[in-house]
Amino acid sequence: DEEECLVILPRGREIAESLETTLPKTVREKAVNSAIKITTLARSE
């Protein structure tokens, strides 16, 4: 949509899947909830 966006690549997926448990659960939950809220707002805009 004419905007530069970030996407994950296979190497990044491996990092996310293998190391996600190293992040505190509260950090993961807050970050995902916030990201969903922000992307929903962007779609609504």
PDB file of all heavy atoms in Angstrom:
ATOM      1  N   ASP A   1       0.838  -1.212   0.000  1.00  0.00           N
ATOM      2  CA  ASP A   1       0.000   0.000   0.000  1.00  0.00           C
ATOM      3  C   ASP A   1       0.872   1.262   0.000  1.00  0.00           C
ATOM      4  O   ASP A   1       0.630   2.208   0.738  1.00  0.00           O
ATOM      5  CB  ASP A   1      -0.959   0.016   1.194  1.00  0.00           C
ATOM      6  CG  ASP A   1      -1.970  -1.106   1.138  1.00  0.00           C
ATOM      7  OD1 ASP A   1      -2.347  -1.512   0.016  1.00  0.00           O
ATOM      8  OD2 ASP A   1      -2.371  -1.589   2.211  1.00  0.00           O
ATOM      9  N   GLU A   2       1.925   1.213  -0.816  1.00  0.00           N
ATOM     10  CA  GLU A   2       2.840   2.335  -0.996  1.00  0.00           C
ATOM     11  C   GLU A   2       3.625   2.713   0.270  1.00  0.00           C
ATOM     12  O   GLU A   2       4.144   3.811   0.383  1.00  0.00           O
ATOM     13  CB  GLU A   2       2.097   3.558  -1.545  1.00  0.00           C
ATOM     14  CG  GLU A   2       1.437   3.295  -2.886  1.00  0.00           C
ATOM     15  CD  GLU A   2       0.655   4.473  -3.394  1.00  0.00           C
ATOM     16  OE1 GLU A   2       0.868   5.602  -2.917  1.00  0.00           O
ATOM     17  OE2 GLU A   2      -0.186   4.255  -4.279  1.00  0.00           O
ATOM     18  N   GLU A   3       3.710   1.792   1.227  1.00  0.00           N
ATOM     19  CA  GLU A   3       4.465   2.047   2.446  1.00  0.00           C
ATOM     20  C   GLU A   3       5.472   0.924   2.661  1.00  0.00           C
ATOM     21  O   GLU A   3       5.181  -0.238   2.375  1.00  0.00           O
ATOM     22  CB  GLU A   3       3.537   2.149   3.656  1.00  0.00           C
ATOM     23  CG  GLU A   3       2.593   3.341   3.584  1.00  0.00           C
ATOM     24  CD  GLU A   3       1.874   3.569   4.887  1.00  0.00           C
ATOM     25  OE1 GLU A   3       0.808   2.961   5.065  1.00  0.00           O
ATOM     26  OE2 GLU A   3       2.383   4.346   5.697  1.00  0.00           O
ATOM     27  N   GLU A   4       6.644   1.291   3.178  1.00  0.00           N
ATOM     28  CA  GLU A   4       7.665   0.293   3.462  1.00  0.00           C
ATOM     29  C   GLU A   4       7.314  -0.433   4.757  1.00  0.00           C
ATOM     30  O   GLU A   4       7.102   0.200   5.792  1.00  0.00           O
ATOM     31  CB  GLU A   4       9.034   0.957   3.578  1.00  0.00           C
ATOM     32  CG  GLU A   4      10.155  -0.048   3.692  1.00  0.00           C
ATOM     33  CD  GLU A   4      11.519   0.597   3.707  1.00  0.00           C
ATOM     34  OE1 GLU A   4      11.865   1.198   4.752  1.00  0.00           O
ATOM     35  OE2 GLU A   4      12.218   0.507   2.691  1.00  0.00           O
ATOM     36  N   CYS A   5       7.244  -1.742   4.667  1.00  0.00           N
ATOM     37  CA  CYS A   5       6.867  -2.570   5.816  1.00  0.00           C
ATOM     38  C   CYS A   5       7.955  -3.605   6.089  1.00  0.00           C
ATOM     39  O   CYS A   5       8.740  -3.949   5.212  1.00  0.00           O
ATOM     40  CB  CYS A   5       5.558  -3.301   5.519  1.00  0.00           C
ATOM     41  SG  CYS A   5       4.160  -2.228   5.229  1.00  0.00           S
ATOM     42  N   LEU A   6       7.957  -4.101   7.310  1.00  0.00           N
ATOM     43  CA  LEU A   6       8.880  -5.162   7.715  1.00  0.00           C
ATOM     44  C   LEU A   6       8.161  -6.506   7.647  1.00  0.00           C
ATOM     45  O   LEU A   6       6.979  -6.606   7.993  1.00  0.00           O
ATOM     46  CB  LEU A   6       9.365  -4.916   9.142  1.00  0.00           C
ATOM     47  CG  LEU A   6      10.139  -3.633   9.379  1.00  0.00           C
ATOM     48  CD1 LEU A   6      10.391  -3.425  10.873  1.00  0.00           C
ATOM     49  CD2 LEU A   6      11.451  -3.641   8.613  1.00  0.00           C
ATOM     50  N   VAL A   7       8.882  -7.526   7.216  1.00  0.00           N
ATOM     51  CA  VAL A   7       8.378  -8.902   7.196  1.00  0.00           C
ATOM     52  C   VAL A   7       9.465  -9.818   7.743  1.00  0.00           C
ATOM     53  O   VAL A   7      10.645  -9.503   7.682  1.00  0.00           O
ATOM     54  CB  VAL A   7       7.967  -9.372   5.785  1.00  0.00           C
ATOM     55  CG1 VAL A   7       6.755  -8.622   5.274  1.00  0.00           C
ATOM     56  CG2 VAL A   7       9.122  -9.256   4.810  1.00  0.00           C
ATOM     57  N   ILE A   8       9.042 -10.936   8.248  1.00  0.00           N
ATOM     58  CA  ILE A   8      10.003 -11.902   8.787  1.00  0.00           C
ATOM     59  C   ILE A   8      10.445 -12.864   7.685  1.00  0.00           C
ATOM     60  O   ILE A   8       9.654 -13.212   6.812  1.00  0.00           O
ATOM     61  CB  ILE A   8       9.408 -12.659  10.000  1.00  0.00           C
ATOM     62  CG1 ILE A   8      10.488 -13.451  10.695  1.00  0.00           C
ATOM     63  CG2 ILE A   8       8.247 -13.544   9.585  1.00  0.00           C
ATOM     64  CD1 ILE A   8      10.343 -13.492  12.172  1.00  0.00           C
ATOM     65  N   LEU A   9      11.700 -13.248   7.743  1.00  0.00           N
ATOM     66  CA  LEU A   9      12.264 -14.223   6.808  1.00  0.00           C
ATOM     67  C   LEU A   9      12.461 -15.548   7.541  1.00  0.00           C
ATOM     68  O   LEU A   9      12.374 -15.603   8.776  1.00  0.00           O
ATOM     69  CB  LEU A   9      13.600 -13.698   6.275  1.00  0.00           C
ATOM     70  CG  LEU A   9      13.518 -12.413   5.444  1.00  0.00           C
ATOM     71  CD1 LEU A   9      14.912 -11.916   5.072  1.00  0.00           C
ATOM     72  CD2 LEU A   9      12.681 -12.630   4.192  1.00  0.00           C
ATOM     73  N   PRO A  10      12.726 -16.636   6.812  1.00  0.00           N
ATOM     74  CA  PRO A  10      12.878 -17.949   7.472  1.00  0.00           C
ATOM     75  C   PRO A  10      13.879 -17.952   8.631  1.00  0.00           C
ATOM     76  O   PRO A  10      13.609 -18.551   9.675  1.00  0.00           O
ATOM     77  CB  PRO A  10      13.337 -18.861   6.330  1.00  0.00           C
ATOM     78  CG  PRO A  10      12.715 -18.248   5.111  1.00  0.00           C
ATOM     79  CD  PRO A  10      12.774 -16.764   5.349  1.00  0.00           C
ATOM     80  N   ARG A  11      14.986 -17.276   8.468  1.00  0.00           N
ATOM     81  CA  ARG A  11      15.983 -17.228   9.560  1.00  0.00           C
ATOM     82  C   ARG A  11      15.403 -16.544  10.807  1.00  0.00           C
ATOM     83  O   ARG A  11      15.650 -16.964  11.936  1.00  0.00           O
ATOM     84  CB  ARG A  11      17.226 -16.502   9.071  1.00  0.00           C
ATOM     85  CG  ARG A  11      18.349 -16.514  10.040  1.00  0.00           C
ATOM     86  CD  ARG A  11      19.605 -15.961   9.411  1.00  0.00           C
ATOM     87  NE  ARG A  11      20.679 -15.978  10.376  1.00  0.00           N
ATOM     88  CZ  ARG A  11      21.841 -15.394  10.192  1.00  0.00           C
ATOM     89  NH1 ARG A  11      22.090 -14.781   9.067  1.00  0.00           N
ATOM     90  NH2 ARG A  11      22.754 -15.436  11.122  1.00  0.00           N
ATOM     91  N   GLY A  12      14.627 -15.495  10.602  1.00  0.00           N
ATOM     92  CA  GLY A  12      13.972 -14.806  11.711  1.00  0.00           C
ATOM     93  C   GLY A  12      12.918 -15.671  12.380  1.00  0.00           C
ATOM     94  O   GLY A  12      12.748 -15.639  13.596  1.00  0.00           O
ATOM     95  N   ARG A  13      12.205 -16.461  11.565  1.00  0.00           N
ATOM     96  CA  ARG A  13      11.207 -17.386  12.130  1.00  0.00           C
ATOM     97  C   ARG A  13      11.876 -18.417  13.040  1.00  0.00           C
ATOM     98  O   ARG A  13      11.360 -18.745  14.105  1.00  0.00           O
ATOM     99  CB  ARG A  13      10.447 -18.117  11.026  1.00  0.00           C
ATOM    100  CG  ARG A  13       9.406 -17.295  10.358  1.00  0.00           C
ATOM    101  CD  ARG A  13       8.495 -18.160   9.480  1.00  0.00           C
ATOM    102  NE  ARG A  13       7.759 -17.326   8.564  1.00  0.00           N
ATOM    103  CZ  ARG A  13       6.720 -16.577   8.893  1.00  0.00           C
ATOM    104  NH1 ARG A  13       6.282 -16.568  10.130  1.00  0.00           N
ATOM    105  NH2 ARG A  13       6.106 -15.849   7.990  1.00  0.00           N
ATOM    106  N   GLU A  14      13.020 -18.914  12.592  1.00  0.00           N
ATOM    107  CA  GLU A  14      13.757 -19.883  13.415  1.00  0.00           C
ATOM    108  C   GLU A  14      14.136 -19.268  14.757  1.00  0.00           C
ATOM    109  O   GLU A  14      13.991 -19.909  15.799  1.00  0.00           O
ATOM    110  CB  GLU A  14      15.020 -20.345  12.683  1.00  0.00           C
ATOM    111  CG  GLU A  14      14.772 -21.233  11.502  1.00  0.00           C
ATOM    112  CD  GLU A  14      16.041 -21.562  10.734  1.00  0.00           C
ATOM    113  OE1 GLU A  14      17.152 -21.423  11.305  1.00  0.00           O
ATOM    114  OE2 GLU A  14      15.917 -21.942   9.554  1.00  0.00           O
ATOM    115  N   ILE A  15      14.607 -18.040  14.728  1.00  0.00           N
ATOM    116  CA  ILE A  15      14.982 -17.347  15.970  1.00  0.00           C
ATOM    117  C   ILE A  15      13.755 -17.190  16.860  1.00  0.00           C
ATOM    118  O   ILE A  15      13.799 -17.497  18.054  1.00  0.00           O
ATOM    119  CB  ILE A  15      15.602 -15.968  15.661  1.00  0.00           C
ATOM    120  CG1 ILE A  15      16.976 -16.152  15.016  1.00  0.00           C
ATOM    121  CG2 ILE A  15      15.692 -15.106  16.914  1.00  0.00           C
ATOM    122  CD1 ILE A  15      17.564 -14.884  14.451  1.00  0.00           C
ATOM    123  N   ALA A  16      12.661 -16.727  16.263  1.00  0.00           N
ATOM    124  CA  ALA A  16      11.438 -16.498  17.039  1.00  0.00           C
ATOM    125  C   ALA A  16      10.924 -17.784  17.675  1.00  0.00           C
ATOM    126  O   ALA A  16      10.553 -17.799  18.848  1.00  0.00           O
ATOM    127  CB  ALA A  16      10.353 -15.889  16.145  1.00  0.00           C
ATOM    128  N   GLU A  17      10.918 -18.856  16.904  1.00  0.00           N
ATOM    129  CA  GLU A  17      10.368 -20.114  17.403  1.00  0.00           C
ATOM    130  C   GLU A  17      11.284 -20.800  18.412  1.00  0.00           C
ATOM    131  O   GLU A  17      10.816 -21.389  19.378  1.00  0.00           O
ATOM    132  CB  GLU A  17      10.056 -21.043  16.233  1.00  0.00           C
ATOM    133  CG  GLU A  17       8.894 -20.516  15.402  1.00  0.00           C
ATOM    134  CD  GLU A  17       8.732 -21.199  14.057  1.00  0.00           C
ATOM    135  OE1 GLU A  17       9.534 -22.110  13.731  1.00  0.00           O
ATOM    136  OE2 GLU A  17       7.816 -20.800  13.327  1.00  0.00           O
ATOM    137  N   SER A  18      12.586 -20.699  18.205  1.00  0.00           N
ATOM    138  CA  SER A  18      13.496 -21.393  19.115  1.00  0.00           C
ATOM    139  C   SER A  18      13.765 -20.606  20.396  1.00  0.00           C
ATOM    140  O   SER A  18      14.066 -21.193  21.427  1.00  0.00           O
ATOM    141  CB  SER A  18      14.815 -21.721  18.420  1.00  0.00           C
ATOM    142  OG  SER A  18      15.503 -20.533  18.095  1.00  0.00           O
ATOM    143  N   LEU A  19      13.658 -19.293  20.333  1.00  0.00           N
ATOM    144  CA  LEU A  19      14.019 -18.483  21.492  1.00  0.00           C
ATOM    145  C   LEU A  19      12.846 -17.756  22.157  1.00  0.00           C
ATOM    146  O   LEU A  19      13.056 -17.029  23.116  1.00  0.00           O
ATOM    147  CB  LEU A  19      15.087 -17.451  21.092  1.00  0.00           C
ATOM    148  CG  LEU A  19      16.412 -18.024  20.605  1.00  0.00           C
ATOM    149  CD1 LEU A  19      17.333 -16.899  20.173  1.00  0.00           C
ATOM    150  CD2 LEU A  19      17.066 -18.858  21.673  1.00  0.00           C
ATOM    151  N   GLU A  20      11.630 -17.952  21.644  1.00  0.00           N
ATOM    152  CA  GLU A  20      10.516 -17.194  22.211  1.00  0.00           C
ATOM    153  C   GLU A  20      10.331 -17.451  23.703  1.00  0.00           C
ATOM    154  O   GLU A  20       9.918 -16.563  24.432  1.00  0.00           O
ATOM    155  CB  GLU A  20       9.214 -17.459  21.461  1.00  0.00           C
ATOM    156  CG  GLU A  20       8.518 -18.751  21.814  1.00  0.00           C
ATOM    157  CD  GLU A  20       7.192 -18.890  21.115  1.00  0.00           C
ATOM    158  OE1 GLU A  20       7.185 -19.137  19.919  1.00  0.00           O
ATOM    159  OE2 GLU A  20       6.161 -18.750  21.797  1.00  0.00           O
ATOM    160  N   THR A  21      10.673 -18.623  24.169  1.00  0.00           N
ATOM    161  CA  THR A  21      10.501 -18.917  25.594  1.00  0.00           C
ATOM    162  C   THR A  21      11.532 -18.200  26.457  1.00  0.00           C
ATOM    163  O   THR A  21      11.398 -18.175  27.682  1.00  0.00           O
ATOM    164  CB  THR A  21      10.555 -20.430  25.861  1.00  0.00           C
ATOM    165  OG1 THR A  21      11.779 -20.945  25.350  1.00  0.00           O
ATOM    166  CG2 THR A  21       9.372 -21.135  25.226  1.00  0.00           C
ATOM    167  N   THR A  22      12.556 -17.613  25.829  1.00  0.00           N
ATOM    168  CA  THR A  22      13.521 -16.844  26.622  1.00  0.00           C
ATOM    169  C   THR A  22      12.935 -15.487  27.021  1.00  0.00           C
ATOM    170  O   THR A  22      13.401 -14.877  27.970  1.00  0.00           O
ATOM    171  CB  THR A  22      14.840 -16.596  25.851  1.00  0.00           C
ATOM    172  OG1 THR A  22      14.572 -15.808  24.702  1.00  0.00           O
ATOM    173  CG2 THR A  22      15.498 -17.908  25.459  1.00  0.00           C
ATOM    174  N   LEU A  23      11.930 -15.043  26.295  1.00  0.00           N
ATOM    175  CA  LEU A  23      11.269 -13.778  26.646  1.00  0.00           C
ATOM    176  C   LEU A  23      10.237 -14.046  27.735  1.00  0.00           C
ATOM    177  O   LEU A  23       9.504 -15.045  27.673  1.00  0.00           O
ATOM    178  CB  LEU A  23      10.557 -13.184  25.431  1.00  0.00           C
ATOM    179  CG  LEU A  23      11.429 -12.767  24.258  1.00  0.00           C
ATOM    180  CD1 LEU A  23      10.547 -12.342  23.084  1.00  0.00           C
ATOM    181  CD2 LEU A  23      12.364 -11.646  24.655  1.00  0.00           C
ATOM    182  N   PRO A  24      10.129 -13.160  28.705  1.00  0.00           N
ATOM    183  CA  PRO A  24       9.093 -13.342  29.733  1.00  0.00           C
ATOM    184  C   PRO A  24       7.702 -13.355  29.097  1.00  0.00           C
ATOM    185  O   PRO A  24       7.437 -12.625  28.133  1.00  0.00           O
ATOM    186  CB  PRO A  24       9.275 -12.107  30.628  1.00  0.00           C
ATOM    187  CG  PRO A  24      10.662 -11.630  30.366  1.00  0.00           C
ATOM    188  CD  PRO A  24      10.975 -11.997  28.955  1.00  0.00           C
ATOM    189  N   LYS A  25       6.847 -14.187  29.632  1.00  0.00           N
ATOM    190  CA  LYS A  25       5.493 -14.340  29.090  1.00  0.00           C
ATOM    191  C   LYS A  25       4.757 -12.999  29.077  1.00  0.00           C
ATOM    192  O   LYS A  25       4.056 -12.680  28.114  1.00  0.00           O
ATOM    193  CB  LYS A  25       4.707 -15.364  29.910  1.00  0.00           C
ATOM    194  CG  LYS A  25       3.326 -15.624  29.364  1.00  0.00           C
ATOM    195  CD  LYS A  25       2.576 -16.671  30.163  1.00  0.00           C
ATOM    196  CE  LYS A  25       1.228 -16.906  29.503  1.00  0.00           C
ATOM    197  NZ  LYS A  25       0.268 -17.505  30.361  1.00  0.00           N
ATOM    198  N   THR A  26       4.902 -12.203  30.117  1.00  0.00           N
ATOM    199  CA  THR A  26       4.207 -10.913  30.173  1.00  0.00           C
ATOM    200  C   THR A  26       4.683  -9.985  29.052  1.00  0.00           C
ATOM    201  O   THR A  26       3.883  -9.250  28.481  1.00  0.00           O
ATOM    202  CB  THR A  26       4.417 -10.211  31.528  1.00  0.00           C
ATOM    203  OG1 THR A  26       5.820 -10.074  31.779  1.00  0.00           O
ATOM    204  CG2 THR A  26       3.754 -10.980  32.654  1.00  0.00           C
ATOM    205  N   VAL A  27       5.970 -10.039  28.719  1.00  0.00           N
ATOM    206  CA  VAL A  27       6.500  -9.225  27.625  1.00  0.00           C
ATOM    207  C   VAL A  27       5.881  -9.676  26.305  1.00  0.00           C
ATOM    208  O   VAL A  27       5.438  -8.856  25.500  1.00  0.00           O
ATOM    209  CB  VAL A  27       8.042  -9.307  27.567  1.00  0.00           C
ATOM    210  CG1 VAL A  27       8.590  -8.714  26.278  1.00  0.00           C
ATOM    211  CG2 VAL A  27       8.655  -8.614  28.777  1.00  0.00           C
ATOM    212  N   ARG A  28       5.841 -10.983  26.074  1.00  0.00           N
ATOM    213  CA  ARG A  28       5.254 -11.510  24.831  1.00  0.00           C
ATOM    214  C   ARG A  28       3.798 -11.100  24.721  1.00  0.00           C
ATOM    215  O   ARG A  28       3.355 -10.631  23.670  1.00  0.00           O
ATOM    216  CB  ARG A  28       5.384 -13.036  24.792  1.00  0.00           C
ATOM    217  CG  ARG A  28       6.805 -13.536  24.674  1.00  0.00           C
ATOM    218  CD  ARG A  28       6.857 -15.033  24.415  1.00  0.00           C
ATOM    219  NE  ARG A  28       5.995 -15.809  25.279  1.00  0.00           N
ATOM    220  CZ  ARG A  28       6.418 -16.652  26.216  1.00  0.00           C
ATOM    221  NH1 ARG A  28       7.697 -16.822  26.419  1.00  0.00           N
ATOM    222  NH2 ARG A  28       5.565 -17.320  26.951  1.00  0.00           N
ATOM    223  N   GLU A  29       3.032 -11.260  25.796  1.00  0.00           N
ATOM    224  CA  GLU A  29       1.609 -10.935  25.760  1.00  0.00           C
ATOM    225  C   GLU A  29       1.371  -9.445  25.509  1.00  0.00           C
ATOM    226  O   GLU A  29       0.547  -9.077  24.676  1.00  0.00           O
ATOM    227  CB  GLU A  29       0.935 -11.353  27.072  1.00  0.00           C
ATOM    228  CG  GLU A  29       0.787 -12.842  27.223  1.00  0.00           C
ATOM    229  CD  GLU A  29       0.250 -13.259  28.588  1.00  0.00           C
ATOM    230  OE1 GLU A  29       0.134 -12.403  29.493  1.00  0.00           O
ATOM    231  OE2 GLU A  29      -0.050 -14.449  28.747  1.00  0.00           O
ATOM    232  N   LYS A  30       2.099  -8.599  26.236  1.00  0.00           N
ATOM    233  CA  LYS A  30       1.939  -7.155  26.056  1.00  0.00           C
ATOM    234  C   LYS A  30       2.290  -6.735  24.634  1.00  0.00           C
ATOM    235  O   LYS A  30       1.587  -5.936  24.019  1.00  0.00           O
ATOM    236  CB  LYS A  30       2.825  -6.378  27.040  1.00  0.00           C
ATOM    237  CG  LYS A  30       2.325  -6.356  28.450  1.00  0.00           C
ATOM    238  CD  LYS A  30       3.296  -5.567  29.329  1.00  0.00           C
ATOM    239  CE  LYS A  30       2.883  -5.547  30.767  1.00  0.00           C
ATOM    240  NZ  LYS A  30       3.846  -4.790  31.594  1.00  0.00           N
ATOM    241  N   ALA A  31       3.380  -7.263  24.121  1.00  0.00           N
ATOM    242  CA  ALA A  31       3.832  -6.881  22.785  1.00  0.00           C
ATOM    243  C   ALA A  31       2.840  -7.327  21.717  1.00  0.00           C
ATOM    244  O   ALA A  31       2.498  -6.552  20.822  1.00  0.00           O
ATOM    245  CB  ALA A  31       5.212  -7.476  22.510  1.00  0.00           C
ATOM    246  N   VAL A  32       2.367  -8.554  21.802  1.00  0.00           N
ATOM    247  CA  VAL A  32       1.426  -9.050  20.796  1.00  0.00           C
ATOM    248  C   VAL A  32       0.095  -8.303  20.888  1.00  0.00           C
ATOM    249  O   VAL A  32      -0.457  -7.889  19.864  1.00  0.00           O
ATOM    250  CB  VAL A  32       1.223 -10.574  20.925  1.00  0.00           C
ATOM    251  CG1 VAL A  32       0.073 -11.058  20.076  1.00  0.00           C
ATOM    252  CG2 VAL A  32       2.507 -11.295  20.535  1.00  0.00           C
ATOM    253  N   ASN A  33      -0.419  -8.096  22.081  1.00  0.00           N
ATOM    254  CA  ASN A  33      -1.680  -7.356  22.222  1.00  0.00           C
ATOM    255  C   ASN A  33      -1.551  -5.943  21.663  1.00  0.00           C
ATOM    256  O   ASN A  33      -2.443  -5.455  20.972  1.00  0.00           O
ATOM    257  CB  ASN A  33      -2.123  -7.308  23.686  1.00  0.00           C
ATOM    258  CG  ASN A  33      -2.619  -8.639  24.184  1.00  0.00           C
ATOM    259  OD1 ASN A  33      -3.026  -9.500  23.411  1.00  0.00           O
ATOM    260  ND2 ASN A  33      -2.569  -8.840  25.484  1.00  0.00           N
ATOM    261  N   SER A  34      -0.448  -5.312  21.948  1.00  0.00           N
ATOM    262  CA  SER A  34      -0.207  -3.969  21.451  1.00  0.00           C
ATOM    263  C   SER A  34      -0.077  -3.959  19.930  1.00  0.00           C
ATOM    264  O   SER A  34      -0.625  -3.095  19.250  1.00  0.00           O
ATOM    265  CB  SER A  34       1.047  -3.399  22.105  1.00  0.00           C
ATOM    266  OG  SER A  34       1.229  -2.070  21.727  1.00  0.00           O
ATOM    267  N   ALA A  35       0.637  -4.914  19.373  1.00  0.00           N
ATOM    268  CA  ALA A  35       0.813  -4.989  17.919  1.00  0.00           C
ATOM    269  C   ALA A  35      -0.514  -5.248  17.213  1.00  0.00           C
ATOM    270  O   ALA A  35      -0.805  -4.637  16.178  1.00  0.00           O
ATOM    271  CB  ALA A  35       1.821  -6.073  17.563  1.00  0.00           C
ATOM    272  N   ILE A  36      -1.330  -6.113  17.773  1.00  0.00           N
ATOM    273  CA  ILE A  36      -2.643  -6.389  17.178  1.00  0.00           C
ATOM    274  C   ILE A  36      -3.498  -5.128  17.210  1.00  0.00           C
ATOM    275  O   ILE A  36      -4.150  -4.772  16.226  1.00  0.00           O
ATOM    276  CB  ILE A  36      -3.333  -7.566  17.890  1.00  0.00           C
ATOM    277  CG1 ILE A  36      -2.609  -8.867  17.555  1.00  0.00           C
ATOM    278  CG2 ILE A  36      -4.809  -7.652  17.514  1.00  0.00           C
ATOM    279  CD1 ILE A  36      -3.024 -10.055  18.388  1.00  0.00           C
ATOM    280  N   LYS A  37      -3.481  -4.425  18.324  1.00  0.00           N
ATOM    281  CA  LYS A  37      -4.239  -3.182  18.450  1.00  0.00           C
ATOM    282  C   LYS A  37      -3.776  -2.150  17.417  1.00  0.00           C
ATOM    283  O   LYS A  37      -4.589  -1.512  16.754  1.00  0.00           O
ATOM    284  CB  LYS A  37      -4.070  -2.630  19.870  1.00  0.00           C
ATOM    285  CG  LYS A  37      -4.773  -1.335  20.133  1.00  0.00           C
ATOM    286  CD  LYS A  37      -4.529  -0.903  21.576  1.00  0.00           C
ATOM    287  CE  LYS A  37      -4.903   0.527  21.812  1.00  0.00           C
ATOM    288  NZ  LYS A  37      -4.520   0.980  23.142  1.00  0.00           N
ATOM    289  N   ILE A  38      -2.474  -2.026  17.267  1.00  0.00           N
ATOM    290  CA  ILE A  38      -1.923  -1.038  16.343  1.00  0.00           C
ATOM    291  C   ILE A  38      -2.215  -1.405  14.889  1.00  0.00           C
ATOM    292  O   ILE A  38      -2.572  -0.556  14.083  1.00  0.00           O
ATOM    293  CB  ILE A  38      -0.420  -0.843  16.611  1.00  0.00           C
ATOM    294  CG1 ILE A  38      -0.272  -0.063  17.928  1.00  0.00           C
ATOM    295  CG2 ILE A  38       0.273  -0.114  15.470  1.00  0.00           C
ATOM    296  CD1 ILE A  38       1.113  -0.053  18.498  1.00  0.00           C
ATOM    297  N   THR A  39      -2.102  -2.688  14.528  1.00  0.00           N
ATOM    298  CA  THR A  39      -2.404  -3.077  13.151  1.00  0.00           C
ATOM    299  C   THR A  39      -3.892  -2.983  12.859  1.00  0.00           C
ATOM    300  O   THR A  39      -4.281  -2.625  11.748  1.00  0.00           O
ATOM    301  CB  THR A  39      -1.885  -4.501  12.834  1.00  0.00           C
ATOM    302  OG1 THR A  39      -2.405  -5.429  13.788  1.00  0.00           O
ATOM    303  CG2 THR A  39      -0.377  -4.548  12.837  1.00  0.00           C
ATOM    304  N   THR A  40      -4.728  -3.254  13.843  1.00  0.00           N
ATOM    305  CA  THR A  40      -6.170  -3.088  13.666  1.00  0.00           C
ATOM    306  C   THR A  40      -6.508  -1.621  13.446  1.00  0.00           C
ATOM    307  O   THR A  40      -7.316  -1.279  12.582  1.00  0.00           O
ATOM    308  CB  THR A  40      -6.932  -3.636  14.899  1.00  0.00           C
ATOM    309  OG1 THR A  40      -6.621  -5.016  15.050  1.00  0.00           O
ATOM    310  CG2 THR A  40      -8.430  -3.465  14.749  1.00  0.00           C
ATOM    311  N   LEU A  41      -5.882  -0.749  14.210  1.00  0.00           N
ATOM    312  CA  LEU A  41      -6.081   0.682  14.053  1.00  0.00           C
ATOM    313  C   LEU A  41      -5.623   1.151  12.672  1.00  0.00           C
ATOM    314  O   LEU A  41      -6.304   1.928  12.008  1.00  0.00           O
ATOM    315  CB  LEU A  41      -5.341   1.447  15.151  1.00  0.00           C
ATOM    316  CG  LEU A  41      -5.520   2.952  15.180  1.00  0.00           C
ATOM    317  CD1 LEU A  41      -6.976   3.343  15.374  1.00  0.00           C
ATOM    318  CD2 LEU A  41      -4.672   3.561  16.282  1.00  0.00           C
ATOM    319  N   ALA A  42      -4.490   0.639  12.208  1.00  0.00           N
ATOM    320  CA  ALA A  42      -3.981   1.012  10.881  1.00  0.00           C
ATOM    321  C   ALA A  42      -4.938   0.562   9.785  1.00  0.00           C
ATOM    322  O   ALA A  42      -5.207   1.311   8.836  1.00  0.00           O
ATOM    323  CB  ALA A  42      -2.598   0.402  10.660  1.00  0.00           C
ATOM    324  N   ARG A  43      -5.481  -0.641   9.918  1.00  0.00           N
ATOM    325  CA  ARG A  43      -6.453  -1.136   8.937  1.00  0.00           C
ATOM    326  C   ARG A  43      -7.725  -0.294   8.977  1.00  0.00           C
ATOM    327  O   ARG A  43      -8.281   0.064   7.946  1.00  0.00           O
ATOM    328  CB  ARG A  43      -6.775  -2.609   9.188  1.00  0.00           C
ATOM    329  CG  ARG A  43      -7.682  -3.193   8.121  1.00  0.00           C
ATOM    330  CD  ARG A  43      -7.914  -4.683   8.251  1.00  0.00           C
ATOM    331  NE  ARG A  43      -8.463  -5.056   9.528  1.00  0.00           N
ATOM    332  CZ  ARG A  43      -7.843  -5.830  10.423  1.00  0.00           C
ATOM    333  NH1 ARG A  43      -6.657  -6.312  10.169  1.00  0.00           N
ATOM    334  NH2 ARG A  43      -8.415  -6.122  11.565  1.00  0.00           N
ATOM    335  N   SER A  44      -8.147   0.073  10.169  1.00  0.00           N
ATOM    336  CA  SER A  44      -9.338   0.907  10.313  1.00  0.00           C
ATOM    337  C   SER A  44      -9.131   2.276   9.677  1.00  0.00           C
ATOM    338  O   SER A  44     -10.042   2.825   9.052  1.00  0.00           O
ATOM    339  CB  SER A  44      -9.694   1.061  11.798  1.00  0.00           C
ATOM    340  OG  SER A  44     -10.850   1.828  11.958  1.00  0.00           O
ATOM    341  N   GLU A  45      -7.911   2.826   9.805  1.00  0.00           N
ATOM    342  CA  GLU A  45      -7.607   4.120   9.190  1.00  0.00           C
ATOM    343  C   GLU A  45      -7.677   4.038   7.676  1.00  0.00           C
ATOM    344  O   GLU A  45      -8.080   4.992   7.019  1.00  0.00           O
ATOM    345  CB  GLU A  45      -6.222   4.609   9.619  1.00  0.00           C
ATOM    346  CG  GLU A  45      -6.166   5.069  11.054  1.00  0.00           C
ATOM    347  CD  GLU A  45      -4.753   5.383  11.521  1.00  0.00           C
ATOM    348  OE1 GLU A  45      -3.774   5.133  10.773  1.00  0.00           O
ATOM    349  OE2 GLU A  45      -4.620   5.874  12.651  1.00  0.00           O
TER     350      GLU A  45
END
